[in-house]
């Protein structure tokens, strides 16, 4: 009888184990699906939809930033120097690939500069670096802490203030990446972070502007 009860207990624990691991796998899949959902659309100065980058190019930009994290939305451990070096090498290789596949007019960019901004809560709009200009912008990335219905980044001439277009992210979360190589070169632009939804906020953990 004792052996029978021991057998029943063993079967119960094994079954609970299968349920637990299935639940974890399901949760991980849901989390990954949530990260990868949403849309991105560019518009020109007349608010007409444009398609300056292929889906493959946008995915490559996104992957470069995903590779810089530990897969859970957190940046890689800063104390793991070997891992950081590997990630940086991968990131630089991706950038070199973009130099070959994207706008050839940007080949003159020998050195990059990068401006980083911290936590930003956007209720209506916020100018990056208070409206400062960035010469030959390559891309802007931002890590979102929520999933806003609509998050927009507007490009304006640094001096003229003229509107040059925008990129619109709908229902995106985690890292969002907006290439800007399609803008005319040898010019400076300023960028406005815009909450395109009717309510709520766009909550940004941090972000970067890469420019020449």
N, C-alpha and C. Protein backbone atom coordinates (compact mmCIF):
# COMPACT_ATOMS: atom_id res chain seq x y z
N UNK A 1 0.82 -1.21 0.00
CA UNK A 1 0.00 0.00 0.00
C UNK A 1 0.86 1.26 0.00
N UNK A 2 1.93 1.24 0.82
CA UNK A 2 2.83 2.41 0.85
C UNK A 2 3.45 2.65 -0.52
N UNK A 3 3.81 1.55 -1.19
CA UNK A 3 4.39 1.70 -2.52
C UNK A 3 3.38 2.29 -3.49
N UNK A 4 2.10 1.91 -3.33
CA UNK A 4 1.06 2.43 -4.21
C UNK A 4 0.89 3.94 -4.04
N UNK A 5 0.87 4.40 -2.76
CA UNK A 5 0.73 5.83 -2.51
C UNK A 5 1.95 6.60 -3.00
N UNK A 6 3.12 5.99 -2.82
CA UNK A 6 4.35 6.65 -3.31
C UNK A 6 4.29 6.80 -4.83
N UNK A 7 3.75 5.79 -5.50
CA UNK A 7 3.62 5.84 -6.95
C UNK A 7 2.67 6.96 -7.38
N UNK A 8 1.53 7.07 -6.66
CA UNK A 8 0.56 8.13 -6.99
C UNK A 8 1.17 9.52 -6.79
N UNK A 9 1.93 9.69 -5.69
CA UNK A 9 2.56 10.98 -5.42
C UNK A 9 3.55 11.33 -6.50
N UNK A 10 4.33 10.33 -6.95
CA UNK A 10 5.33 10.57 -8.00
C UNK A 10 4.66 11.00 -9.29
N UNK A 11 3.58 10.31 -9.65
CA UNK A 11 2.85 10.65 -10.88
C UNK A 11 2.30 12.07 -10.79
N UNK A 12 1.79 12.44 -9.61
CA UNK A 12 1.22 13.79 -9.42
C UNK A 12 2.27 14.86 -9.64
N UNK A 13 3.47 14.67 -9.03
CA UNK A 13 4.53 15.67 -9.16
C UNK A 13 5.04 15.77 -10.60
N UNK A 14 5.12 14.64 -11.29
CA UNK A 14 5.55 14.65 -12.69
C UNK A 14 4.55 15.43 -13.53
N UNK A 15 3.26 15.20 -13.28
CA UNK A 15 2.24 15.93 -14.02
C UNK A 15 2.29 17.41 -13.76
N UNK A 16 2.52 17.77 -12.48
CA UNK A 16 2.63 19.20 -12.14
C UNK A 16 3.83 19.82 -12.85
N UNK A 17 4.91 19.03 -12.98
CA UNK A 17 6.11 19.53 -13.65
C UNK A 17 5.84 19.85 -15.10
N UNK A 18 5.10 18.95 -15.80
CA UNK A 18 4.78 19.19 -17.20
C UNK A 18 3.92 20.44 -17.35
N UNK A 19 2.95 20.59 -16.44
CA UNK A 19 2.08 21.77 -16.49
C UNK A 19 2.88 23.03 -16.27
N UNK A 20 3.82 22.98 -15.30
CA UNK A 20 4.65 24.17 -14.98
C UNK A 20 5.49 24.59 -16.18
N UNK A 21 6.21 23.60 -16.79
CA UNK A 21 7.08 23.94 -17.91
C UNK A 21 6.29 24.40 -19.12
N UNK A 22 5.11 23.80 -19.34
CA UNK A 22 4.26 24.24 -20.43
C UNK A 22 3.80 25.66 -20.20
N UNK A 23 3.49 26.02 -18.95
CA UNK A 23 3.03 27.37 -18.62
C UNK A 23 4.14 28.38 -18.84
N UNK A 24 5.37 28.00 -18.43
CA UNK A 24 6.50 28.91 -18.63
C UNK A 24 6.74 29.16 -20.10
N UNK A 25 6.73 28.07 -20.89
CA UNK A 25 6.95 28.21 -22.33
C UNK A 25 5.87 29.06 -22.96
N UNK A 26 4.64 28.88 -22.53
CA UNK A 26 3.53 29.67 -23.07
C UNK A 26 3.71 31.13 -22.72
N UNK A 27 4.10 31.42 -21.46
CA UNK A 27 4.30 32.80 -21.04
C UNK A 27 5.42 33.46 -21.83
N UNK A 28 6.51 32.69 -22.07
CA UNK A 28 7.63 33.24 -22.83
C UNK A 28 7.21 33.56 -24.25
N UNK A 29 6.39 32.67 -24.85
CA UNK A 29 5.93 32.91 -26.21
C UNK A 29 5.05 34.14 -26.29
N UNK A 30 4.17 34.31 -25.30
CA UNK A 30 3.30 35.48 -25.27
C UNK A 30 4.15 36.73 -25.17
N UNK A 31 5.16 36.70 -24.27
CA UNK A 31 6.00 37.88 -24.10
C UNK A 31 6.73 38.22 -25.38
N UNK A 32 7.27 37.21 -26.07
CA UNK A 32 7.99 37.45 -27.32
C UNK A 32 7.04 37.98 -28.38
N UNK A 33 5.82 37.42 -28.45
CA UNK A 33 4.86 37.89 -29.43
C UNK A 33 4.50 39.34 -29.19
N UNK A 34 4.35 39.72 -27.90
CA UNK A 34 3.99 41.09 -27.58
C UNK A 34 5.09 42.04 -28.01
N UNK A 35 6.35 41.63 -27.81
CA UNK A 35 7.46 42.49 -28.18
C UNK A 35 7.50 42.70 -29.68
N UNK A 36 7.19 41.66 -30.45
CA UNK A 36 7.35 41.71 -31.90
C UNK A 36 6.13 42.23 -32.64
N UNK A 37 5.05 42.58 -31.94
CA UNK A 37 3.87 43.08 -32.62
C UNK A 37 3.98 44.58 -32.83
N UNK A 38 2.99 45.14 -33.53
CA UNK A 38 3.00 46.56 -33.79
C UNK A 38 3.48 46.85 -35.20
N UNK A 39 3.32 48.11 -35.62
CA UNK A 39 3.68 48.50 -36.97
C UNK A 39 4.56 49.74 -36.96
N UNK A 40 5.26 49.96 -38.07
CA UNK A 40 6.07 51.16 -38.26
C UNK A 40 5.81 51.70 -39.67
N UNK A 41 5.58 53.00 -39.77
CA UNK A 41 5.27 53.61 -41.06
C UNK A 41 5.92 54.99 -41.15
N UNK A 42 6.58 55.26 -42.27
CA UNK A 42 7.18 56.57 -42.51
C UNK A 42 6.24 57.43 -43.35
N UNK A 43 6.35 58.75 -43.16
CA UNK A 43 5.58 59.73 -43.92
C UNK A 43 6.51 60.84 -44.37
N UNK A 44 6.22 61.42 -45.55
CA UNK A 44 7.05 62.50 -46.05
C UNK A 44 6.58 63.84 -45.51
N UNK A 45 7.14 64.94 -46.06
CA UNK A 45 6.82 66.28 -45.57
C UNK A 45 5.36 66.67 -45.82
N UNK A 46 4.69 65.92 -46.70
CA UNK A 46 3.27 66.19 -46.98
C UNK A 46 2.35 65.17 -46.30
N UNK A 47 2.93 64.42 -45.37
CA UNK A 47 2.19 63.39 -44.63
C UNK A 47 1.66 62.28 -45.53
N UNK A 48 2.36 62.04 -46.64
CA UNK A 48 2.04 60.90 -47.49
C UNK A 48 2.91 59.71 -47.08
N UNK A 49 2.34 58.51 -47.04
CA UNK A 49 3.13 57.33 -46.67
C UNK A 49 4.28 57.10 -47.65
N UNK A 50 5.45 56.79 -47.14
CA UNK A 50 6.60 56.45 -47.97
C UNK A 50 7.24 55.18 -47.41
N UNK A 51 8.08 54.55 -48.22
CA UNK A 51 8.69 53.28 -47.83
C UNK A 51 10.19 53.33 -48.16
N UNK A 52 10.96 54.13 -47.39
CA UNK A 52 12.39 54.30 -47.70
C UNK A 52 13.24 53.08 -47.37
N UNK A 53 12.72 52.17 -46.56
CA UNK A 53 13.49 50.99 -46.15
C UNK A 53 12.64 49.74 -46.34
N UNK A 54 13.30 48.67 -46.73
CA UNK A 54 12.61 47.39 -46.84
C UNK A 54 12.37 46.81 -45.45
N UNK A 55 11.50 45.83 -45.38
CA UNK A 55 11.24 45.18 -44.10
C UNK A 55 12.51 44.53 -43.56
N UNK A 56 13.33 43.98 -44.47
CA UNK A 56 14.57 43.33 -44.05
C UNK A 56 15.53 44.33 -43.42
N UNK A 57 15.62 45.54 -43.99
CA UNK A 57 16.52 46.55 -43.45
C UNK A 57 16.04 47.02 -42.08
N UNK A 58 14.73 47.21 -41.92
CA UNK A 58 14.18 47.61 -40.63
C UNK A 58 14.41 46.52 -39.58
N UNK A 59 14.25 45.27 -39.98
CA UNK A 59 14.47 44.16 -39.06
C UNK A 59 15.94 44.08 -38.65
N UNK A 60 16.85 44.40 -39.58
CA UNK A 60 18.27 44.37 -39.26
C UNK A 60 18.62 45.45 -38.25
N UNK A 61 18.08 46.63 -38.43
CA UNK A 61 18.28 47.69 -37.45
C UNK A 61 17.74 47.27 -36.08
N UNK A 62 16.55 46.67 -36.08
CA UNK A 62 15.93 46.24 -34.83
C UNK A 62 16.77 45.17 -34.16
N UNK A 63 17.28 44.23 -34.95
CA UNK A 63 18.06 43.13 -34.40
C UNK A 63 19.34 43.63 -33.75
N UNK A 64 19.94 44.66 -34.34
CA UNK A 64 21.17 45.20 -33.76
C UNK A 64 20.94 45.68 -32.34
N UNK A 65 19.76 46.25 -32.10
CA UNK A 65 19.47 46.76 -30.77
C UNK A 65 19.02 45.65 -29.84
N UNK A 66 18.29 44.67 -30.36
CA UNK A 66 17.91 43.53 -29.53
C UNK A 66 19.14 42.77 -29.06
N UNK A 67 20.17 42.70 -29.91
CA UNK A 67 21.39 41.99 -29.56
C UNK A 67 22.17 42.69 -28.46
N UNK A 68 21.86 43.97 -28.21
CA UNK A 68 22.56 44.73 -27.17
C UNK A 68 21.95 44.49 -25.80
N UNK A 69 20.86 43.71 -25.73
CA UNK A 69 20.20 43.45 -24.46
C UNK A 69 20.30 41.97 -24.12
N UNK A 70 19.82 41.65 -22.91
CA UNK A 70 19.92 40.25 -22.46
C UNK A 70 18.69 39.45 -22.85
N UNK A 71 17.83 40.02 -23.69
CA UNK A 71 16.65 39.29 -24.15
C UNK A 71 15.42 39.52 -23.30
N UNK A 72 15.54 40.24 -22.18
CA UNK A 72 14.40 40.49 -21.31
C UNK A 72 14.04 41.96 -21.26
N UNK A 73 14.66 42.76 -22.13
CA UNK A 73 14.38 44.18 -22.13
C UNK A 73 15.37 44.97 -21.33
N UNK A 74 16.31 44.28 -20.67
CA UNK A 74 17.35 44.95 -19.90
C UNK A 74 18.65 44.98 -20.68
N UNK A 75 19.42 46.03 -20.48
CA UNK A 75 20.71 46.09 -21.16
C UNK A 75 21.64 45.05 -20.60
N UNK A 76 22.62 44.67 -21.39
CA UNK A 76 23.55 43.61 -20.98
C UNK A 76 24.30 44.02 -19.72
N UNK A 77 24.71 43.03 -18.95
CA UNK A 77 25.43 43.26 -17.70
C UNK A 77 26.69 44.06 -17.96
N UNK A 78 26.79 45.28 -17.41
CA UNK A 78 27.96 46.11 -17.69
C UNK A 78 29.25 45.55 -17.11
N UNK A 79 29.13 44.58 -16.19
CA UNK A 79 30.32 43.99 -15.58
C UNK A 79 30.86 42.81 -16.38
N UNK A 80 30.09 42.38 -17.39
CA UNK A 80 30.54 41.28 -18.23
C UNK A 80 31.25 41.88 -19.45
N UNK A 81 32.53 42.18 -19.32
CA UNK A 81 33.27 42.88 -20.36
C UNK A 81 33.39 42.06 -21.64
N UNK A 82 33.59 40.76 -21.50
CA UNK A 82 33.72 39.90 -22.67
C UNK A 82 32.43 39.89 -23.48
N UNK A 83 31.30 39.76 -22.77
CA UNK A 83 30.01 39.74 -23.45
C UNK A 83 29.73 41.09 -24.10
N UNK A 84 30.05 42.16 -23.40
CA UNK A 84 29.83 43.49 -23.97
C UNK A 84 30.65 43.69 -25.23
N UNK A 85 31.91 43.22 -25.22
CA UNK A 85 32.77 43.35 -26.40
C UNK A 85 32.17 42.59 -27.57
N UNK A 86 31.65 41.39 -27.31
CA UNK A 86 31.05 40.59 -28.37
C UNK A 86 29.82 41.29 -28.94
N UNK A 87 29.00 41.88 -28.06
CA UNK A 87 27.82 42.58 -28.51
C UNK A 87 28.18 43.81 -29.32
N UNK A 88 29.21 44.54 -28.88
CA UNK A 88 29.64 45.73 -29.60
C UNK A 88 30.16 45.36 -30.99
N UNK A 89 30.90 44.24 -31.07
CA UNK A 89 31.41 43.79 -32.36
C UNK A 89 30.26 43.46 -33.31
N UNK A 90 29.25 42.76 -32.77
CA UNK A 90 28.08 42.42 -33.58
C UNK A 90 27.37 43.67 -34.05
N UNK A 91 27.24 44.64 -33.14
CA UNK A 91 26.57 45.89 -33.48
C UNK A 91 27.31 46.63 -34.58
N UNK A 92 28.65 46.72 -34.46
CA UNK A 92 29.44 47.42 -35.47
C UNK A 92 29.38 46.71 -36.82
N UNK A 93 29.37 45.37 -36.79
CA UNK A 93 29.25 44.62 -38.05
C UNK A 93 27.92 44.93 -38.73
N UNK A 94 26.86 45.03 -37.92
CA UNK A 94 25.56 45.37 -38.47
C UNK A 94 25.55 46.74 -39.10
N UNK A 95 26.22 47.70 -38.45
CA UNK A 95 26.29 49.05 -38.99
C UNK A 95 27.05 49.08 -40.31
N UNK A 96 28.13 48.29 -40.39
CA UNK A 96 28.89 48.24 -41.64
C UNK A 96 28.04 47.65 -42.76
N UNK A 97 27.19 46.68 -42.40
CA UNK A 97 26.28 46.10 -43.39
C UNK A 97 25.30 47.16 -43.88
N UNK A 98 24.80 47.98 -42.96
CA UNK A 98 23.87 49.03 -43.34
C UNK A 98 24.53 50.04 -44.27
N UNK A 99 25.82 50.32 -44.05
CA UNK A 99 26.53 51.27 -44.90
C UNK A 99 26.57 50.80 -46.34
N UNK A 100 26.56 49.47 -46.52
CA UNK A 100 26.62 48.92 -47.87
C UNK A 100 25.24 48.85 -48.51
N UNK A 101 24.22 48.64 -47.69
CA UNK A 101 22.89 48.39 -48.26
C UNK A 101 21.98 49.60 -48.29
N UNK A 102 22.28 50.63 -47.47
CA UNK A 102 21.42 51.79 -47.44
C UNK A 102 22.01 52.93 -48.26
N UNK A 103 21.57 54.14 -48.04
CA UNK A 103 21.92 55.31 -48.82
C UNK A 103 23.43 55.43 -49.05
N UNK A 104 23.86 55.36 -50.30
CA UNK A 104 25.28 55.42 -50.61
C UNK A 104 25.86 56.80 -50.38
N UNK A 105 25.01 57.82 -50.30
CA UNK A 105 25.50 59.18 -50.06
C UNK A 105 26.08 59.33 -48.66
N UNK A 106 25.82 58.35 -47.80
CA UNK A 106 26.29 58.45 -46.41
C UNK A 106 27.63 57.77 -46.20
N UNK A 107 28.29 57.36 -47.27
CA UNK A 107 29.56 56.66 -47.13
C UNK A 107 30.65 57.55 -46.55
N UNK A 108 30.44 58.86 -46.62
CA UNK A 108 31.45 59.79 -46.12
C UNK A 108 31.50 59.86 -44.60
N UNK A 109 30.54 59.24 -43.93
CA UNK A 109 30.50 59.31 -42.47
C UNK A 109 31.58 58.40 -41.88
N UNK A 110 32.71 58.95 -41.59
CA UNK A 110 33.83 58.16 -41.07
C UNK A 110 33.72 57.98 -39.56
N UNK A 111 33.20 58.97 -38.88
CA UNK A 111 33.08 58.90 -37.42
C UNK A 111 31.65 59.21 -37.00
N UNK A 112 31.22 58.52 -35.97
CA UNK A 112 29.88 58.74 -35.46
C UNK A 112 29.93 59.49 -34.15
N UNK A 113 28.89 60.27 -33.92
CA UNK A 113 28.65 60.86 -32.61
C UNK A 113 27.31 60.32 -32.13
N UNK A 114 27.13 60.26 -30.83
CA UNK A 114 25.88 59.74 -30.29
C UNK A 114 25.44 60.57 -29.09
N UNK A 115 24.20 61.00 -29.15
CA UNK A 115 23.61 61.72 -28.02
C UNK A 115 22.62 60.80 -27.33
N UNK A 116 22.77 60.66 -26.02
CA UNK A 116 21.88 59.78 -25.25
C UNK A 116 20.99 60.62 -24.34
N UNK A 117 19.73 60.25 -24.28
CA UNK A 117 18.81 60.93 -23.37
C UNK A 117 18.19 59.91 -22.42
N UNK A 118 17.81 60.40 -21.25
CA UNK A 118 17.30 59.52 -20.20
C UNK A 118 15.79 59.40 -20.20
N UNK A 119 15.25 59.06 -19.05
CA UNK A 119 13.82 58.82 -18.91
C UNK A 119 13.02 60.04 -19.37
N UNK A 120 12.05 59.79 -20.24
CA UNK A 120 11.24 60.86 -20.81
C UNK A 120 9.78 60.42 -20.85
N UNK A 121 8.91 61.21 -20.26
CA UNK A 121 7.47 60.93 -20.30
C UNK A 121 6.83 61.94 -21.25
N UNK A 122 6.24 61.44 -22.32
CA UNK A 122 5.68 62.31 -23.36
C UNK A 122 4.15 62.30 -23.26
N UNK A 123 3.59 63.41 -22.82
CA UNK A 123 2.13 63.53 -22.79
C UNK A 123 1.61 64.11 -24.11
N UNK A 124 2.31 65.11 -24.63
CA UNK A 124 1.99 65.68 -25.95
C UNK A 124 3.20 65.56 -26.86
N UNK A 125 4.26 66.33 -26.58
CA UNK A 125 5.50 66.20 -27.35
C UNK A 125 6.67 66.72 -26.55
N UNK A 126 7.86 66.23 -26.90
CA UNK A 126 9.11 66.66 -26.26
C UNK A 126 10.17 66.74 -27.35
N UNK A 127 10.89 67.85 -27.42
CA UNK A 127 12.00 67.99 -28.36
C UNK A 127 13.23 67.29 -27.80
N UNK A 128 13.90 66.48 -28.64
CA UNK A 128 15.13 65.83 -28.21
C UNK A 128 16.21 66.89 -28.02
N UNK A 129 16.86 66.87 -26.87
CA UNK A 129 17.91 67.82 -26.52
C UNK A 129 17.42 69.27 -26.70
N UNK A 130 16.15 69.50 -26.32
CA UNK A 130 15.55 70.83 -26.35
C UNK A 130 15.59 71.46 -27.75
N UNK A 131 15.53 70.62 -28.78
CA UNK A 131 15.47 71.13 -30.14
C UNK A 131 16.82 71.37 -30.79
N UNK A 132 17.87 70.80 -30.24
CA UNK A 132 19.20 70.93 -30.85
C UNK A 132 19.25 70.18 -32.17
N UNK A 133 20.14 70.61 -33.07
CA UNK A 133 20.27 69.98 -34.37
C UNK A 133 21.28 68.84 -34.38
N UNK A 134 21.04 67.87 -35.26
CA UNK A 134 21.94 66.72 -35.42
C UNK A 134 22.28 66.59 -36.90
N UNK A 135 23.56 66.64 -37.21
CA UNK A 135 24.02 66.59 -38.60
C UNK A 135 23.98 65.15 -39.12
N UNK A 136 23.43 64.99 -40.32
CA UNK A 136 23.39 63.68 -40.98
C UNK A 136 22.95 62.56 -40.03
N UNK A 137 21.75 62.63 -39.49
CA UNK A 137 21.30 61.60 -38.54
C UNK A 137 21.21 60.22 -39.19
N UNK A 138 21.68 59.25 -38.47
CA UNK A 138 21.63 57.86 -38.94
C UNK A 138 20.37 57.17 -38.45
N UNK A 139 20.17 57.20 -37.12
CA UNK A 139 18.97 56.59 -36.57
C UNK A 139 18.71 57.11 -35.16
N UNK A 140 17.51 56.90 -34.70
CA UNK A 140 17.12 57.17 -33.31
C UNK A 140 16.55 55.88 -32.75
N UNK A 141 16.95 55.53 -31.54
CA UNK A 141 16.34 54.39 -30.88
C UNK A 141 15.83 54.82 -29.51
N UNK A 142 14.84 54.11 -29.01
CA UNK A 142 14.28 54.41 -27.70
C UNK A 142 13.72 53.13 -27.11
N UNK A 143 13.90 52.97 -25.82
CA UNK A 143 13.34 51.81 -25.12
C UNK A 143 12.07 52.24 -24.40
N UNK A 144 10.95 51.69 -24.83
CA UNK A 144 9.66 52.06 -24.27
C UNK A 144 9.35 51.22 -23.03
N UNK A 145 8.77 51.88 -22.03
CA UNK A 145 8.39 51.18 -20.81
C UNK A 145 6.92 50.78 -20.84
N UNK A 146 6.18 51.25 -21.84
CA UNK A 146 4.78 50.85 -21.99
C UNK A 146 4.51 50.56 -23.47
N UNK A 147 3.25 50.37 -23.80
CA UNK A 147 2.88 50.10 -25.19
C UNK A 147 1.87 51.18 -25.63
N UNK A 148 2.37 52.35 -26.01
CA UNK A 148 1.45 53.42 -26.41
C UNK A 148 0.74 53.09 -27.72
N UNK A 149 -0.51 53.52 -27.88
CA UNK A 149 -1.21 53.27 -29.15
C UNK A 149 -0.47 53.83 -30.35
N UNK A 150 0.04 55.08 -30.20
CA UNK A 150 0.77 55.71 -31.31
C UNK A 150 1.93 56.53 -30.75
N UNK A 151 3.13 56.24 -31.20
CA UNK A 151 4.32 57.00 -30.85
C UNK A 151 4.96 57.48 -32.14
N UNK A 152 5.20 58.81 -32.24
CA UNK A 152 5.73 59.38 -33.47
C UNK A 152 7.05 60.10 -33.19
N UNK A 153 7.92 60.11 -34.19
CA UNK A 153 9.14 60.92 -34.15
C UNK A 153 9.11 61.80 -35.40
N UNK A 154 9.11 63.12 -35.19
CA UNK A 154 9.04 64.07 -36.29
C UNK A 154 10.43 64.65 -36.55
N UNK A 155 10.76 64.83 -37.83
CA UNK A 155 12.03 65.44 -38.23
C UNK A 155 11.77 66.83 -38.80
N UNK A 156 12.52 67.82 -38.28
CA UNK A 156 12.40 69.20 -38.74
C UNK A 156 13.78 69.74 -39.06
N UNK A 157 13.85 70.68 -39.99
CA UNK A 157 15.11 71.35 -40.25
C UNK A 157 15.58 72.07 -39.00
N UNK A 158 16.87 71.92 -38.67
CA UNK A 158 17.37 72.51 -37.43
C UNK A 158 17.26 74.02 -37.44
N UNK A 159 17.50 74.64 -38.57
CA UNK A 159 17.45 76.11 -38.66
C UNK A 159 16.09 76.61 -39.13
N UNK A 160 15.58 76.03 -40.20
CA UNK A 160 14.33 76.50 -40.77
C UNK A 160 13.11 76.08 -39.97
N UNK A 161 13.21 74.94 -39.30
CA UNK A 161 12.05 74.41 -38.59
C UNK A 161 11.07 73.70 -39.50
N UNK A 162 11.38 73.64 -40.80
CA UNK A 162 10.49 72.99 -41.76
C UNK A 162 10.32 71.50 -41.44
N UNK A 163 9.13 71.02 -41.66
CA UNK A 163 8.80 69.61 -41.41
C UNK A 163 9.30 68.76 -42.56
N UNK A 164 10.12 67.73 -42.25
CA UNK A 164 10.69 66.86 -43.28
C UNK A 164 10.07 65.47 -43.29
N UNK A 165 9.21 65.18 -42.36
CA UNK A 165 8.59 63.86 -42.32
C UNK A 165 8.57 63.30 -40.92
N UNK A 166 8.04 62.09 -40.82
CA UNK A 166 7.91 61.46 -39.51
C UNK A 166 7.89 59.95 -39.66
N UNK A 167 8.11 59.30 -38.53
CA UNK A 167 7.93 57.85 -38.46
C UNK A 167 6.91 57.59 -37.35
N UNK A 168 6.00 56.66 -37.61
CA UNK A 168 4.91 56.38 -36.69
C UNK A 168 4.98 54.92 -36.25
N UNK A 169 5.06 54.72 -34.93
CA UNK A 169 5.03 53.37 -34.35
C UNK A 169 3.65 53.16 -33.72
N UNK A 170 2.99 52.10 -34.09
CA UNK A 170 1.69 51.80 -33.50
C UNK A 170 1.77 50.52 -32.67
N UNK A 171 1.40 50.65 -31.40
CA UNK A 171 1.33 49.53 -30.46
C UNK A 171 2.66 48.78 -30.39
N UNK A 172 3.74 49.54 -30.33
CA UNK A 172 5.07 48.94 -30.19
C UNK A 172 5.53 49.05 -28.74
N UNK A 173 6.42 48.16 -28.35
CA UNK A 173 7.01 48.19 -27.01
C UNK A 173 8.47 47.79 -27.11
N UNK A 174 9.15 47.83 -25.92
CA UNK A 174 10.54 47.43 -25.88
C UNK A 174 11.35 48.41 -26.72
N UNK A 175 12.39 47.99 -27.43
CA UNK A 175 13.20 48.88 -28.26
C UNK A 175 12.49 49.19 -29.57
N UNK A 176 12.42 50.47 -29.92
CA UNK A 176 11.98 50.87 -31.24
C UNK A 176 13.14 51.61 -31.91
N UNK A 177 13.32 51.37 -33.19
CA UNK A 177 14.46 51.94 -33.92
C UNK A 177 13.95 52.63 -35.17
N UNK A 178 14.37 53.88 -35.37
CA UNK A 178 13.94 54.66 -36.54
C UNK A 178 15.15 55.12 -37.34
N UNK A 179 15.48 54.45 -38.45
CA UNK A 179 16.55 54.94 -39.33
C UNK A 179 16.14 56.27 -39.97
N UNK A 180 17.13 57.15 -40.19
CA UNK A 180 16.87 58.44 -40.82
C UNK A 180 17.82 58.71 -41.98
N UNK A 181 18.37 57.67 -42.57
CA UNK A 181 19.32 57.86 -43.65
C UNK A 181 18.68 58.36 -44.94
N UNK A 182 17.38 58.30 -45.03
CA UNK A 182 16.72 58.75 -46.25
C UNK A 182 16.61 60.28 -46.31
N UNK A 183 16.86 60.96 -45.19
CA UNK A 183 16.81 62.43 -45.21
C UNK A 183 18.00 62.96 -46.01
N UNK A 184 17.84 64.10 -46.73
CA UNK A 184 18.96 64.68 -47.46
C UNK A 184 20.17 64.89 -46.57
N UNK A 185 21.35 64.57 -47.10
CA UNK A 185 22.58 64.64 -46.31
C UNK A 185 23.14 66.06 -46.26
N UNK A 186 24.17 66.23 -45.44
CA UNK A 186 24.86 67.51 -45.23
C UNK A 186 23.91 68.55 -44.66
N UNK A 187 22.94 68.10 -43.88
CA UNK A 187 22.00 68.99 -43.21
C UNK A 187 21.82 68.54 -41.76
N UNK A 188 21.41 69.49 -40.94
CA UNK A 188 21.12 69.18 -39.54
C UNK A 188 19.61 69.17 -39.33
N UNK A 189 19.18 68.27 -38.47
CA UNK A 189 17.76 68.12 -38.20
C UNK A 189 17.53 68.08 -36.69
N UNK A 190 16.36 68.53 -36.28
CA UNK A 190 15.96 68.38 -34.89
C UNK A 190 14.75 67.45 -34.86
N UNK A 191 14.58 66.77 -33.73
CA UNK A 191 13.57 65.72 -33.65
C UNK A 191 12.61 65.95 -32.49
N UNK A 192 11.35 65.66 -32.77
CA UNK A 192 10.30 65.84 -31.77
C UNK A 192 9.66 64.49 -31.47
N UNK A 193 9.63 64.11 -30.21
CA UNK A 193 8.97 62.89 -29.77
C UNK A 193 7.51 63.24 -29.49
N UNK A 194 6.59 62.53 -30.12
CA UNK A 194 5.18 62.92 -30.08
C UNK A 194 4.31 61.75 -29.61
N UNK A 195 3.41 62.06 -28.70
CA UNK A 195 2.38 61.10 -28.32
C UNK A 195 1.22 61.27 -29.29
N UNK A 196 1.08 60.32 -30.20
CA UNK A 196 0.06 60.42 -31.22
C UNK A 196 -1.30 59.89 -30.79
N UNK A 197 -1.39 59.40 -29.56
CA UNK A 197 -2.67 58.91 -29.06
C UNK A 197 -3.51 60.02 -28.48
N UNK A 198 -4.78 59.73 -28.27
CA UNK A 198 -5.70 60.74 -27.75
C UNK A 198 -5.59 60.90 -26.23
N UNK A 199 -4.96 59.95 -25.57
CA UNK A 199 -4.79 60.03 -24.13
C UNK A 199 -3.61 59.19 -23.72
N UNK A 200 -3.29 59.22 -22.43
CA UNK A 200 -2.16 58.46 -21.92
C UNK A 200 -0.84 59.14 -22.23
N UNK A 201 0.25 58.42 -22.02
CA UNK A 201 1.59 58.95 -22.24
C UNK A 201 2.45 57.92 -22.96
N UNK A 202 3.53 58.41 -23.53
CA UNK A 202 4.58 57.54 -24.07
C UNK A 202 5.71 57.57 -23.05
N UNK A 203 6.00 56.42 -22.45
CA UNK A 203 6.99 56.34 -21.39
C UNK A 203 8.28 55.74 -21.93
N UNK A 204 9.31 56.58 -21.99
CA UNK A 204 10.59 56.16 -22.56
C UNK A 204 11.61 56.00 -21.42
N UNK A 205 12.25 54.84 -21.38
CA UNK A 205 13.28 54.59 -20.37
C UNK A 205 14.56 55.35 -20.70
N UNK A 206 14.99 55.26 -21.95
CA UNK A 206 16.14 56.01 -22.45
C UNK A 206 16.21 55.83 -23.95
N UNK A 207 17.10 56.60 -24.60
CA UNK A 207 17.23 56.50 -26.04
C UNK A 207 18.51 57.14 -26.53
N UNK A 208 18.73 57.06 -27.84
CA UNK A 208 19.97 57.57 -28.44
C UNK A 208 19.69 58.13 -29.83
N UNK A 209 20.47 59.16 -30.18
CA UNK A 209 20.48 59.70 -31.54
C UNK A 209 21.88 59.50 -32.07
N UNK A 210 22.01 58.79 -33.18
CA UNK A 210 23.32 58.59 -33.78
C UNK A 210 23.43 59.46 -35.03
N UNK A 211 24.49 60.24 -35.12
CA UNK A 211 24.62 61.19 -36.21
C UNK A 211 26.09 61.39 -36.52
N UNK A 212 26.36 62.12 -37.62
CA UNK A 212 27.74 62.30 -38.05
C UNK A 212 28.17 63.75 -37.76
